Amino acid sequence: MVTITDVAREAGVSVSTVSHVVNGTRFVKAATRERVMAAIERLDYTPSTSAQSLKKNVTHTIGMIVTSSTNPYFAEIVARLEAELYAAGFNLILCNSGRDIDKQRSYIRTLKGRRIDGLLVLESVLSEAYLELLASCSFPVVMLDSDTPDLTSVSDDSELGGYLATSHLIAQGHRAIGCIAGPERHHQSMRRFRGFRRALAEAGLLLEPDWVHAGNMDIDSGEAAVRRLCGGTHRPTALFAFNDFSALGAISQATRQGLQVPGDLSVIGYDDIEIARLFTPALTTVRQQAGALCREASRLLTAAIADKATSVEHLKIAPELVVRDSVRTLSASQ
């Protein structure tokens, strides 16, 4: 294995000079720096990050625990955060928890052992046991997609998003409106449902309990919702799906049942994943501002690491309505 002594010998300088070049701890003349860097490249030398970390008490490593990085929206968030953190000089370690408390506990223990500088958590369902684990961390923690009073968070303003989606359906003349919600403890689903109810109430419309379908925020949930809600004559004219996956499942199932979207059934989603604009019909949806979410999360976490800050902040990012082709405008008589 190539050592720092080998590099010093190859470049014709002292070991301390190589150390200053690698760590940027002291000014080194340009010509000398070039010789050292050329020697590093020729010998394919890799500095010991563990030794550097012990000296500086930093690892320039961030951990991230996510429910599942296969979810297209979560995958976009992970990719954007990785880019933001890399630009700030940090590497990202990704862990998929599957909402399994044993995996969550194991990952936090492992990340502590890796001496990470901070942790990002992208999970919408948080158990009390998991929150206790997060609160016990000695490094800064930033939550995305959920919030708790004791931990800094950056999240989509999902109550506003639910209000925007439902208000759009109402503005297009719909009065019989159902929804495809998420699990009972899903933070963002609960907020979208509050926005849904608020828009109905402001329009003087009653919430029809039979038109609320609780699912798992996936394609199967959208398909199951249409089978249950749209099989008879007393059915909604529009559905607000609390994420795009369930919206696309709803459209697919409606088509199999002989319903035209949006002719017979209007559907609006949430997230604005890439396939939403490519689907037929192109999906009207509520776009989460992924770029802003990731910039703010990265900013808050790196600032907390640099300042050893203990203050807690909660930021909400406003979503926006994206109008495409899956919602029909009804006449006053319909």
C-alpha atoms as a PDB file:
ATOM      1  CA  MET A   1       0.000   0.000   0.000  1.00  0.00           C
ATOM      2  CA  VAL A   2       1.301   3.444  -0.947  1.00  0.00           C
ATOM      3  CA  THR A   3       2.006   5.664   2.065  1.00  0.00           C
ATOM      4  CA  ILE A   4       2.465   9.395   2.545  1.00  0.00           C
ATOM      5  CA  THR A   5       6.207   8.699   2.956  1.00  0.00           C
ATOM      6  CA  ASP A   6       6.320   7.144  -0.528  1.00  0.00           C
ATOM      7  CA  VAL A   7       4.662  10.271  -1.968  1.00  0.00           C
ATOM      8  CA  ALA A   8       7.129  12.553  -0.155  1.00  0.00           C
ATOM      9  CA  ARG A   9      10.076  10.543  -1.496  1.00  0.00           C
ATOM     10  CA  GLU A  10       8.652  10.553  -5.053  1.00  0.00           C
ATOM     11  CA  ALA A  11       8.043  14.330  -4.987  1.00  0.00           C
ATOM     12  CA  GLY A  12      11.312  15.148  -3.241  1.00  0.00           C
ATOM     13  CA  VAL A  13       9.648  16.958  -0.328  1.00  0.00           C
ATOM     14  CA  SER A  14       9.018  16.346   3.357  1.00  0.00           C
ATOM     15  CA  VAL A  15       6.133  14.297   4.711  1.00  0.00           C
ATOM     16  CA  SER A  16       4.722  17.436   6.376  1.00  0.00           C
ATOM     17  CA  THR A  17       4.629  19.216   2.997  1.00  0.00           C
ATOM     18  CA  VAL A  18       2.592  16.380   1.475  1.00  0.00           C
ATOM     19  CA  SER A  19       0.265  16.550   4.487  1.00  0.00           C
ATOM     20  CA  HIS A  20      -0.237  20.303   4.029  1.00  0.00           C
ATOM     21  CA  VAL A  21      -1.048  19.815   0.333  1.00  0.00           C
ATOM     22  CA  VAL A  22      -3.526  17.007   0.994  1.00  0.00           C
ATOM     23  CA  ASN A  23      -5.265  18.719   3.925  1.00  0.00           C
ATOM     24  CA  GLY A  24      -4.955  22.343   2.825  1.00  0.00           C
ATOM     25  CA  THR A  25      -3.617  23.286   6.241  1.00  0.00           C
ATOM     26  CA  ARG A  26      -0.812  25.625   5.109  1.00  0.00           C
ATOM     27  CA  PHE A  27       0.260  27.595   2.050  1.00  0.00           C
ATOM     28  CA  VAL A  28       2.498  25.580  -0.300  1.00  0.00           C
ATOM     29  CA  LYS A  29       4.188  27.101  -3.351  1.00  0.00           C
ATOM     30  CA  ALA A  30       2.444  26.310  -6.628  1.00  0.00           C
ATOM     31  CA  ALA A  31       5.436  24.498  -8.110  1.00  0.00           C
ATOM     32  CA  THR A  32       5.827  22.331  -5.012  1.00  0.00           C
ATOM     33  CA  ARG A  33       2.101  21.615  -4.897  1.00  0.00           C
ATOM     34  CA  GLU A  34       2.195  20.514  -8.549  1.00  0.00           C
ATOM     35  CA  ARG A  35       5.064  18.099  -7.820  1.00  0.00           C
ATOM     36  CA  VAL A  36       3.190  16.620  -4.889  1.00  0.00           C
ATOM     37  CA  MET A  37      -0.061  16.231  -6.851  1.00  0.00           C
ATOM     38  CA  ALA A  38       1.820  14.644  -9.774  1.00  0.00           C
ATOM     39  CA  ALA A  39       3.420  12.155  -7.364  1.00  0.00           C
ATOM     40  CA  ILE A  40       0.032  11.367  -5.830  1.00  0.00           C
ATOM     41  CA  GLU A  41      -1.391  10.645  -9.273  1.00  0.00           C
ATOM     42  CA  ARG A  42       1.576   8.515 -10.396  1.00  0.00           C
ATOM     43  CA  LEU A  43       1.500   6.415  -7.238  1.00  0.00           C
ATOM     44  CA  ASP A  44      -2.326   6.372  -7.028  1.00  0.00           C
ATOM     45  CA  TYR A  45      -2.125   7.455  -3.392  1.00  0.00           C
ATOM     46  CA  THR A  46      -5.340   7.702  -1.343  1.00  0.00           C
ATOM     47  CA  PRO A  47      -5.138   9.650   1.954  1.00  0.00           C
ATOM     48  CA  SER A  48      -6.460   7.886   5.040  1.00  0.00           C
ATOM     49  CA  THR A  49      -9.821   9.522   5.648  1.00  0.00           C
ATOM     50  CA  SER A  50     -10.186   7.775   9.005  1.00  0.00           C
ATOM     51  CA  ALA A  51      -6.920   9.252  10.246  1.00  0.00           C
ATOM     52  CA  GLN A  52      -7.922  12.696   8.992  1.00  0.00           C
ATOM     53  CA  SER A  53     -11.286  12.375  10.698  1.00  0.00           C
ATOM     54  CA  LEU A  54      -9.724  11.501  14.037  1.00  0.00           C
ATOM     55  CA  LYS A  55      -7.496  14.585  13.862  1.00  0.00           C
ATOM     56  CA  LYS A  56     -10.225  16.997  12.793  1.00  0.00           C
ATOM     57  CA  ASN A  57     -13.207  15.351  14.550  1.00  0.00           C
ATOM     58  CA  VAL A  58     -15.139  15.500  11.250  1.00  0.00           C
ATOM     59  CA  THR A  59     -15.724  12.861   8.587  1.00  0.00           C
ATOM     60  CA  HIS A  60     -17.377  14.998   5.884  1.00  0.00           C
ATOM     61  CA  THR A  61     -19.981  12.248   5.737  1.00  0.00           C
ATOM     62  CA  ILE A  62     -23.761  12.567   6.012  1.00  0.00           C
ATOM     63  CA  GLY A  63     -26.105   9.677   6.694  1.00  0.00           C
ATOM     64  CA  MET A  64     -29.573   9.488   5.169  1.00  0.00           C
ATOM     65  CA  ILE A  65     -32.372   7.120   6.133  1.00  0.00           C
ATOM     66  CA  VAL A  66     -35.217   6.900   3.623  1.00  0.00           C
ATOM     67  CA  THR A  67     -38.279   4.657   3.541  1.00  0.00           C
ATOM     68  CA  SER A  68     -37.436   3.457   0.022  1.00  0.00           C
ATOM     69  CA  SER A  69     -35.220   5.031  -2.616  1.00  0.00           C
ATOM     70  CA  THR A  70     -37.157   3.161  -5.337  1.00  0.00           C
ATOM     71  CA  ASN A  71     -40.086   5.579  -4.938  1.00  0.00           C
ATOM     72  CA  PRO A  72     -39.570   8.020  -7.862  1.00  0.00           C
ATOM     73  CA  TYR A  73     -40.180  11.110  -5.732  1.00  0.00           C
ATOM     74  CA  PHE A  74     -37.871   9.891  -2.964  1.00  0.00           C
ATOM     75  CA  ALA A  75     -35.266   8.959  -5.589  1.00  0.00           C
ATOM     76  CA  GLU A  76     -35.360  12.520  -6.943  1.00  0.00           C
ATOM     77  CA  ILE A  77     -34.908  13.936  -3.435  1.00  0.00           C
ATOM     78  CA  VAL A  78     -31.963  11.621  -2.749  1.00  0.00           C
ATOM     79  CA  ALA A  79     -30.262  12.567  -6.037  1.00  0.00           C
ATOM     80  CA  ARG A  80     -30.722  16.296  -5.453  1.00  0.00           C
ATOM     81  CA  LEU A  81     -29.505  16.086  -1.859  1.00  0.00           C
ATOM     82  CA  GLU A  82     -26.453  14.078  -2.890  1.00  0.00           C
ATOM     83  CA  ALA A  83     -25.562  16.804  -5.409  1.00  0.00           C
ATOM     84  CA  GLU A  84     -26.108  19.609  -2.875  1.00  0.00           C
ATOM     85  CA  LEU A  85     -24.025  17.895  -0.203  1.00  0.00           C
ATOM     86  CA  TYR A  86     -21.245  16.894  -2.592  1.00  0.00           C
ATOM     87  CA  ALA A  87     -20.920  20.519  -3.669  1.00  0.00           C
ATOM     88  CA  ALA A  88     -20.601  21.425   0.021  1.00  0.00           C
ATOM     89  CA  GLY A  89     -17.830  18.866   0.529  1.00  0.00           C
ATOM     90  CA  PHE A  90     -19.813  15.976   2.035  1.00  0.00           C
ATOM     91  CA  ASN A  91     -20.364  12.363   1.002  1.00  0.00           C
ATOM     92  CA  LEU A  92     -23.742  10.671   1.504  1.00  0.00           C
ATOM     93  CA  ILE A  93     -24.426   7.220   2.975  1.00  0.00           C
ATOM     94  CA  LEU A  94     -27.934   6.021   2.025  1.00  0.00           C
ATOM     95  CA  CYS A  95     -29.987   3.562   4.095  1.00  0.00           C
ATOM     96  CA  ASN A  96     -33.420   2.164   3.076  1.00  0.00           C
ATOM     97  CA  SER A  97     -35.464   1.384   6.187  1.00  0.00           C
ATOM     98  CA  GLY A  98     -38.744   0.058   4.822  1.00  0.00           C
ATOM     99  CA  ARG A  99     -40.333   1.553   7.989  1.00  0.00           C
ATOM    100  CA  ASP A 100     -38.855  -1.368   9.928  1.00  0.00           C
ATOM    101  CA  ILE A 101     -37.872  -0.280  13.450  1.00  0.00           C
ATOM    102  CA  ASP A 102     -35.206  -2.995  13.704  1.00  0.00           C
ATOM    103  CA  LYS A 103     -33.568  -1.746  10.496  1.00  0.00           C
ATOM    104  CA  GLN A 104     -33.901   1.860  11.651  1.00  0.00           C
ATOM    105  CA  ARG A 105     -32.223   0.999  14.949  1.00  0.00           C
ATOM    106  CA  SER A 106     -29.461  -0.949  13.186  1.00  0.00           C
ATOM    107  CA  TYR A 107     -28.786   1.834  10.676  1.00  0.00           C
ATOM    108  CA  ILE A 108     -28.543   4.514  13.363  1.00  0.00           C
ATOM    109  CA  ARG A 109     -26.127   2.342  15.322  1.00  0.00           C
ATOM    110  CA  THR A 110     -24.026   1.778  12.185  1.00  0.00           C
ATOM    111  CA  LEU A 111     -24.037   5.465  11.245  1.00  0.00           C
ATOM    112  CA  LYS A 112     -22.948   6.404  14.742  1.00  0.00           C
ATOM    113  CA  GLY A 113     -20.081   3.958  14.352  1.00  0.00           C
ATOM    114  CA  ARG A 114     -19.119   5.620  11.077  1.00  0.00           C
ATOM    115  CA  ARG A 115     -18.933   8.924  12.988  1.00  0.00           C
ATOM    116  CA  ILE A 116     -21.144  10.777  10.527  1.00  0.00           C
ATOM    117  CA  ASP A 117     -21.365  14.558  10.880  1.00  0.00           C
ATOM    118  CA  GLY A 118     -25.147  14.737  10.447  1.00  0.00           C
ATOM    119  CA  LEU A 119     -28.274  12.790   9.494  1.00  0.00           C
ATOM    120  CA  LEU A 120     -31.139  13.370   7.052  1.00  0.00           C
ATOM    121  CA  VAL A 121     -34.387  11.444   7.523  1.00  0.00           C
ATOM    122  CA  LEU A 122     -36.903  11.085   4.672  1.00  0.00           C
ATOM    123  CA  GLU A 123     -39.763   9.087   6.156  1.00  0.00           C
ATOM    124  CA  SER A 124     -43.443   9.967   6.417  1.00  0.00           C
ATOM    125  CA  VAL A 125     -44.424   7.512   9.152  1.00  0.00           C
ATOM    126  CA  LEU A 126     -42.547   7.883  12.445  1.00  0.00           C
ATOM    127  CA  SER A 127     -43.066   5.594  15.436  1.00  0.00           C
ATOM    128  CA  GLU A 128     -42.432   6.766  18.990  1.00  0.00           C
ATOM    129  CA  ALA A 129     -39.534   4.319  19.232  1.00  0.00           C
ATOM    130  CA  TYR A 130     -37.962   5.749  16.084  1.00  0.00           C
ATOM    131  CA  LEU A 131     -38.350   9.331  17.336  1.00  0.00           C
ATOM    132  CA  GLU A 132     -36.610   8.358  20.574  1.00  0.00           C
ATOM    133  CA  LEU A 133     -33.710   6.928  18.566  1.00  0.00           C
ATOM    134  CA  LEU A 134     -33.393  10.119  16.536  1.00  0.00           C
ATOM    135  CA  ALA A 135     -33.558  12.300  19.627  1.00  0.00           C
ATOM    136  CA  SER A 136     -30.656  10.333  21.125  1.00  0.00           C
ATOM    137  CA  CYS A 137     -28.290  11.203  18.255  1.00  0.00           C
ATOM    138  CA  SER A 138     -25.327  13.390  19.197  1.00  0.00           C
ATOM    139  CA  PHE A 139     -25.055  14.806  15.658  1.00  0.00           C
ATOM    140  CA  PRO A 140     -27.507  17.225  13.941  1.00  0.00           C
ATOM    141  CA  VAL A 141     -30.645  15.670  12.433  1.00  0.00           C
ATOM    142  CA  VAL A 142     -32.855  17.243   9.742  1.00  0.00           C
ATOM    143  CA  MET A 143     -36.232  15.720   8.884  1.00  0.00           C
ATOM    144  CA  LEU A 144     -37.824  15.823   5.442  1.00  0.00           C
ATOM    145  CA  ASP A 145     -41.451  14.938   4.650  1.00  0.00           C
ATOM    146  CA  SER A 146     -42.373  14.983   8.354  1.00  0.00           C
ATOM    147  CA  ASP A 147     -41.734  17.066  11.440  1.00  0.00           C
ATOM    148  CA  THR A 148     -41.545  16.783  15.191  1.00  0.00           C
ATOM    149  CA  PRO A 149     -41.122  19.624  17.724  1.00  0.00           C
ATOM    150  CA  ASP A 150     -37.648  18.543  18.861  1.00  0.00           C
ATOM    151  CA  LEU A 151     -35.923  18.108  15.478  1.00  0.00           C
ATOM    152  CA  THR A 152     -35.234  20.558  12.648  1.00  0.00           C
ATOM    153  CA  SER A 153     -37.390  19.894   9.591  1.00  0.00           C
ATOM    154  CA  VAL A 154     -37.975  20.989   6.011  1.00  0.00           C
ATOM    155  CA  SER A 155     -41.200  19.807   4.418  1.00  0.00           C
ATOM    156  CA  ASP A 156     -43.724  20.424   1.715  1.00  0.00           C
ATOM    157  CA  ASP A 157     -46.731  22.484   2.855  1.00  0.00           C
ATOM    158  CA  SER A 158     -49.047  19.567   2.185  1.00  0.00           C
ATOM    159  CA  GLU A 159     -52.132  21.138   3.738  1.00  0.00           C
ATOM    160  CA  LEU A 160     -51.818  23.973   1.231  1.00  0.00           C
ATOM    161  CA  GLY A 161     -51.233  21.419  -1.529  1.00  0.00           C
ATOM    162  CA  GLY A 162     -54.365  19.487  -0.608  1.00  0.00           C
ATOM    163  CA  TYR A 163     -56.311  22.726  -0.613  1.00  0.00           C
ATOM    164  CA  LEU A 164     -54.931  23.705  -4.050  1.00  0.00           C
ATOM    165  CA  ALA A 165     -55.781  20.335  -5.597  1.00  0.00           C
ATOM    166  CA  THR A 166     -59.335  20.237  -4.247  1.00  0.00           C
ATOM    167  CA  SER A 167     -59.990  23.893  -5.050  1.00  0.00           C
ATOM    168  CA  HIS A 168     -58.953  23.247  -8.655  1.00  0.00           C
ATOM    169  CA  LEU A 169     -61.477  20.405  -8.949  1.00  0.00           C
ATOM    170  CA  ILE A 170     -64.189  22.624  -7.469  1.00  0.00           C
ATOM    171  CA  ALA A 171     -63.274  25.475  -9.831  1.00  0.00           C
ATOM    172  CA  GLN A 172     -63.761  23.073 -12.754  1.00  0.00           C
ATOM    173  CA  GLY A 173     -67.332  22.449 -11.643  1.00  0.00           C
ATOM    174  CA  HIS A 174     -66.912  19.218  -9.656  1.00  0.00           C
ATOM    175  CA  ARG A 175     -69.124  18.740  -6.621  1.00  0.00           C
ATOM    176  CA  ALA A 176     -68.872  14.965  -6.150  1.00  0.00           C
ATOM    177  CA  ILE A 177     -65.227  14.640  -5.110  1.00  0.00           C
ATOM    178  CA  GLY A 178     -63.503  11.660  -3.523  1.00  0.00           C
ATOM    179  CA  CYS A 179     -59.934  11.154  -2.390  1.00  0.00           C
ATOM    180  CA  ILE A 180     -57.308   8.424  -2.262  1.00  0.00           C
ATOM    181  CA  ALA A 181     -55.484   8.984   1.019  1.00  0.00           C
ATOM    182  CA  GLY A 182     -52.467   7.343   2.638  1.00  0.00           C
ATOM    183  CA  PRO A 183     -51.927   5.342   5.843  1.00  0.00           C
ATOM    184  CA  GLU A 184     -53.363   6.656   9.089  1.00  0.00           C
ATOM    185  CA  ARG A 185     -50.006   7.820  10.550  1.00  0.00           C
ATOM    186  CA  HIS A 186     -48.608   9.190   7.282  1.00  0.00           C
ATOM    187  CA  HIS A 187     -47.734  12.831   8.126  1.00  0.00           C
ATOM    188  CA  GLN A 188     -48.162  14.337   4.679  1.00  0.00           C
ATOM    189  CA  SER A 189     -51.325  12.375   3.938  1.00  0.00           C
ATOM    190  CA  MET A 190     -52.937  13.751   7.101  1.00  0.00           C
ATOM    191  CA  ARG A 191     -52.008  17.289   6.061  1.00  0.00           C
ATOM    192  CA  ARG A 192     -53.337  16.824   2.515  1.00  0.00           C
ATOM    193  CA  PHE A 193     -56.578  15.505   3.962  1.00  0.00           C
ATOM    194  CA  ARG A 194     -56.910  18.653   6.089  1.00  0.00           C
ATOM    195  CA  GLY A 195     -56.469  20.791   2.976  1.00  0.00           C
ATOM    196  CA  PHE A 196     -59.005  18.613   1.117  1.00  0.00           C
ATOM    197  CA  ARG A 197     -61.617  19.080   3.846  1.00  0.00           C
ATOM    198  CA  ARG A 198     -60.965  22.812   4.128  1.00  0.00           C
ATOM    199  CA  ALA A 199     -61.535  23.386   0.412  1.00  0.00           C
ATOM    200  CA  LEU A 200     -64.769  21.368   0.503  1.00  0.00           C
ATOM    201  CA  ALA A 201     -66.027  23.280   3.540  1.00  0.00           C
ATOM    202  CA  GLU A 202     -65.259  26.687   2.026  1.00  0.00           C
ATOM    203  CA  ALA A 203     -67.244  25.678  -1.087  1.00  0.00           C
ATOM    204  CA  GLY A 204     -70.182  24.511   1.044  1.00  0.00           C
ATOM    205  CA  LEU A 205     -69.658  20.864   0.009  1.00  0.00           C
ATOM    206  CA  LEU A 206     -70.126  17.925   2.353  1.00  0.00           C
ATOM    207  CA  LEU A 207     -67.410  15.337   2.782  1.00  0.00           C
ATOM    208  CA  GLU A 208     -68.773  11.990   1.587  1.00  0.00           C
ATOM    209  CA  PRO A 209     -67.148   9.371   3.896  1.00  0.00           C
ATOM    210  CA  ASP A 210     -67.795   6.559   1.410  1.00  0.00           C
ATOM    211  CA  TRP A 211     -65.691   8.417  -1.157  1.00  0.00           C
ATOM    212  CA  VAL A 212     -62.558   8.431   1.025  1.00  0.00           C
ATOM    213  CA  HIS A 213     -60.252   5.500   0.305  1.00  0.00           C
ATOM    214  CA  ALA A 214     -57.290   4.863   2.637  1.00  0.00           C
ATOM    215  CA  GLY A 215     -54.397   3.171   0.868  1.00  0.00           C
ATOM    216  CA  ASN A 216     -50.615   2.913   0.933  1.00  0.00           C
ATOM    217  CA  MET A 217     -49.696   5.700  -1.504  1.00  0.00           C
ATOM    218  CA  ASP A 218     -48.959   3.209  -4.288  1.00  0.00           C
ATOM    219  CA  ILE A 219     -50.370   2.073  -7.639  1.00  0.00           C
ATOM    220  CA  ASP A 220     -52.370  -0.733  -6.037  1.00  0.00           C
ATOM    221  CA  SER A 221     -54.113   1.810  -3.802  1.00  0.00           C
ATOM    222  CA  GLY A 222     -55.245   3.813  -6.812  1.00  0.00           C
ATOM    223  CA  GLU A 223     -56.561   0.713  -8.554  1.00  0.00           C
ATOM    224  CA  ALA A 224     -58.386  -0.473  -5.425  1.00  0.00           C
ATOM    225  CA  ALA A 225     -59.931   2.968  -4.905  1.00  0.00           C
ATOM    226  CA  VAL A 226     -61.478   3.043  -8.376  1.00  0.00           C
ATOM    227  CA  ARG A 227     -62.781  -0.502  -8.033  1.00  0.00           C
ATOM    228  CA  ARG A 228     -64.499   0.451  -4.766  1.00  0.00           C
ATOM    229  CA  LEU A 229     -65.618   4.013  -5.487  1.00  0.00           C
ATOM    230  CA  CYS A 230     -66.511   3.899  -9.164  1.00  0.00           C
ATOM    231  CA  GLY A 231     -68.268   0.582  -9.615  1.00  0.00           C
ATOM    232  CA  GLY A 232     -71.859   1.812  -9.274  1.00  0.00           C
ATOM    233  CA  THR A 233     -74.012   4.766 -10.292  1.00  0.00           C
ATOM    234  CA  HIS A 234     -73.407   6.765  -7.110  1.00  0.00           C
ATOM    235  CA  ARG A 235     -69.810   7.642  -7.727  1.00  0.00           C
ATOM    236  CA  PRO A 236     -67.629  10.746  -7.632  1.00  0.00           C
ATOM    237  CA  THR A 237     -66.912  12.717 -10.785  1.00  0.00           C
ATOM    238  CA  ALA A 238     -63.383  13.481  -9.574  1.00  0.00           C
ATOM    239  CA  LEU A 239     -60.701  11.930  -7.372  1.00  0.00           C
ATOM    240  CA  PHE A 240     -57.859  13.652  -5.559  1.00  0.00           C
ATOM    241  CA  ALA A 241     -55.040  11.103  -5.156  1.00  0.00           C
ATOM    242  CA  PHE A 242     -52.561  12.032  -2.432  1.00  0.00           C
ATOM    243  CA  ASN A 243     -49.596  11.052  -4.604  1.00  0.00           C
ATOM    244  CA  ASP A 244     -48.962  10.477  -8.299  1.00  0.00           C
ATOM    245  CA  PHE A 245     -48.479   6.720  -7.972  1.00  0.00           C
ATOM    246  CA  SER A 246     -52.017   6.235  -6.675  1.00  0.00           C
ATOM    247  CA  ALA A 247     -53.326   8.695  -9.284  1.00  0.00           C
ATOM    248  CA  LEU A 248     -51.753   6.693 -12.118  1.00  0.00           C
ATOM    249  CA  GLY A 249     -53.137   3.478 -10.644  1.00  0.00           C
ATOM    250  CA  ALA A 250     -56.589   5.087 -10.540  1.00  0.00           C
ATOM    251  CA  ILE A 251     -56.395   6.137 -14.199  1.00  0.00           C
ATOM    252  CA  SER A 252     -55.255   2.675 -15.292  1.00  0.00           C
ATOM    253  CA  GLN A 253     -58.059   0.941 -13.397  1.00  0.00           C
ATOM    254  CA  ALA A 254     -60.681   3.416 -14.637  1.00  0.00           C
ATOM    255  CA  THR A 255     -59.658   2.649 -18.213  1.00  0.00           C
ATOM    256  CA  ARG A 256     -59.969  -1.095 -17.584  1.00  0.00           C
ATOM    257  CA  GLN A 257     -63.473  -0.501 -16.211  1.00  0.00           C
ATOM    258  CA  GLY A 258     -64.472   1.329 -19.386  1.00  0.00           C
ATOM    259  CA  LEU A 259     -64.350   4.819 -17.866  1.00  0.00           C
ATOM    260  CA  GLN A 260     -62.729   7.629 -19.786  1.00  0.00           C
ATOM    261  CA  VAL A 261     -60.329   9.978 -17.990  1.00  0.00           C
ATOM    262  CA  PRO A 262     -61.186  12.812 -17.812  1.00  0.00           C
ATOM    263  CA  GLY A 263     -64.473  12.319 -19.709  1.00  0.00           C
ATOM    264  CA  ASP A 264     -66.124  10.121 -17.066  1.00  0.00           C
ATOM    265  CA  LEU A 265     -63.720  10.612 -14.168  1.00  0.00           C
ATOM    266  CA  SER A 266     -61.271  13.417 -13.431  1.00  0.00           C
ATOM    267  CA  VAL A 267     -58.096  12.613 -11.488  1.00  0.00           C
ATOM    268  CA  ILE A 268     -55.548  14.912  -9.868  1.00  0.00           C
ATOM    269  CA  GLY A 269     -52.327  13.705  -8.224  1.00  0.00           C
ATOM    270  CA  TYR A 270     -49.569  14.994  -5.970  1.00  0.00           C
ATOM    271  CA  ASP A 271     -45.734  15.167  -6.328  1.00  0.00           C
ATOM    272  CA  ASP A 272     -45.256  15.680 -10.105  1.00  0.00           C
ATOM    273  CA  ILE A 273     -42.951  12.722 -10.682  1.00  0.00           C
ATOM    274  CA  GLU A 274     -41.371  12.526 -14.145  1.00  0.00           C
ATOM    275  CA  ILE A 275     -43.839  10.023 -15.620  1.00  0.00           C
ATOM    276  CA  ALA A 276     -46.812  12.236 -14.677  1.00  0.00           C
ATOM    277  CA  ARG A 277     -46.359  14.457 -17.753  1.00  0.00           C
ATOM    278  CA  LEU A 278     -45.691  11.455 -20.029  1.00  0.00           C
ATOM    279  CA  PHE A 279     -48.774   9.455 -19.026  1.00  0.00           C
ATOM    280  CA  THR A 280     -51.960   9.453 -21.132  1.00  0.00           C
ATOM    281  CA  PRO A 281     -53.739  11.603 -20.212  1.00  0.00           C
ATOM    282  CA  ALA A 282     -50.943  13.781 -18.859  1.00  0.00           C
ATOM    283  CA  LEU A 283     -51.584  14.080 -15.135  1.00  0.00           C
ATOM    284  CA  THR A 284     -52.768  17.278 -13.507  1.00  0.00           C
ATOM    285  CA  THR A 285     -50.972  17.321 -10.164  1.00  0.00           C
ATOM    286  CA  VAL A 286     -49.495  19.367  -7.332  1.00  0.00           C
ATOM    287  CA  ARG A 287     -45.748  19.810  -7.661  1.00  0.00           C
ATOM    288  CA  GLN A 288     -43.569  19.598  -4.588  1.00  0.00           C
ATOM    289  CA  GLN A 289     -40.628  21.999  -4.892  1.00  0.00           C
ATOM    290  CA  ALA A 290     -37.927  19.336  -4.646  1.00  0.00           C
ATOM    291  CA  GLY A 291     -35.081  21.720  -5.456  1.00  0.00           C
ATOM    292  CA  ALA A 292     -36.023  24.168  -2.709  1.00  0.00           C
ATOM    293  CA  LEU A 293     -36.609  21.357  -0.199  1.00  0.00           C
ATOM    294  CA  CYS A 294     -33.145  19.906  -0.823  1.00  0.00           C
ATOM    295  CA  ARG A 295     -31.346  23.254  -0.811  1.00  0.00           C
ATOM    296  CA  GLU A 296     -32.896  24.217   2.517  1.00  0.00           C
ATOM    297  CA  ALA A 297     -32.292  20.812   4.087  1.00  0.00           C
ATOM    298  CA  SER A 298     -28.648  20.863   3.001  1.00  0.00           C
ATOM    299  CA  ARG A 299     -28.224  24.440   4.209  1.00  0.00           C
ATOM    300  CA  LEU A 300     -29.722  23.757   7.637  1.00  0.00           C
ATOM    301  CA  LEU A 301     -27.756  20.567   8.172  1.00  0.00           C
ATOM    302  CA  THR A 302     -24.358  21.896   7.072  1.00  0.00           C
ATOM    303  CA  ALA A 303     -24.898  25.081   9.101  1.00  0.00           C
ATOM    304  CA  ALA A 304     -25.704  23.010  12.185  1.00  0.00           C
ATOM    305  CA  ILE A 305     -22.572  20.922  11.628  1.00  0.00           C
ATOM    306  CA  ALA A 306     -20.368  24.003  11.185  1.00  0.00           C
ATOM    307  CA  ASP A 307     -21.824  25.961  14.103  1.00  0.00           C
ATOM    308  CA  LYS A 308     -22.592  23.026  16.403  1.00  0.00           C
ATOM    309  CA  ALA A 309     -26.047  24.649  16.545  1.00  0.00           C
ATOM    310  CA  THR A 310     -28.735  23.322  18.848  1.00  0.00           C
ATOM    311  CA  SER A 311     -31.664  25.547  17.801  1.00  0.00           C
ATOM    312  CA  VAL A 312     -34.594  23.855  16.063  1.00  0.00           C
ATOM    313  CA  GLU A 313     -36.155  25.250  12.875  1.00  0.00           C
ATOM    314  CA  HIS A 314     -39.231  24.189  10.926  1.00  0.00           C
ATOM    315  CA  LEU A 315     -39.523  25.292   7.291  1.00  0.00           C
ATOM    316  CA  LYS A 316     -42.460  24.643   4.965  1.00  0.00           C
ATOM    317  CA  ILE A 317     -42.075  24.977   1.184  1.00  0.00           C
ATOM    318  CA  ALA A 318     -45.194  25.993  -0.770  1.00  0.00           C
ATOM    319  CA  PRO A 319     -46.162  23.588  -3.606  1.00  0.00           C
ATOM    320  CA  GLU A 320     -47.703  24.641  -6.914  1.00  0.00           C
ATOM    321  CA  LEU A 321     -50.575  23.396  -9.067  1.00  0.00           C
ATOM    322  CA  VAL A 322     -49.599  21.926 -12.449  1.00  0.00           C
ATOM    323  CA  VAL A 323     -52.561  21.783 -14.853  1.00  0.00           C
ATOM    324  CA  ARG A 324     -52.454  19.153 -17.597  1.00  0.00           C
ATOM    325  CA  ASP A 325     -55.107  16.899 -19.148  1.00  0.00           C
ATOM    326  CA  SER A 326     -56.606  14.595 -16.492  1.00  0.00           C
ATOM    327  CA  VAL A 327     -59.254  17.011 -15.125  1.00  0.00           C
ATOM    328  CA  ARG A 328     -62.403  17.867 -17.089  1.00  0.00           C
ATOM    329  CA  THR A 329     -64.374  21.084 -16.743  1.00  0.00           C
ATOM    330  CA  LEU A 330     -68.031  20.321 -15.989  1.00  0.00           C
ATOM    331  CA  SER A 331     -70.935  22.475 -17.077  1.00  0.00           C
ATOM    332  CA  ALA A 332     -73.302  23.884 -14.457  1.00  0.00           C
ATOM    333  CA  SER A 333     -75.909  21.241 -15.302  1.00  0.00           C
ATOM    334  CA  GLN A 334     -73.613  18.256 -14.735  1.00  0.00           C
END
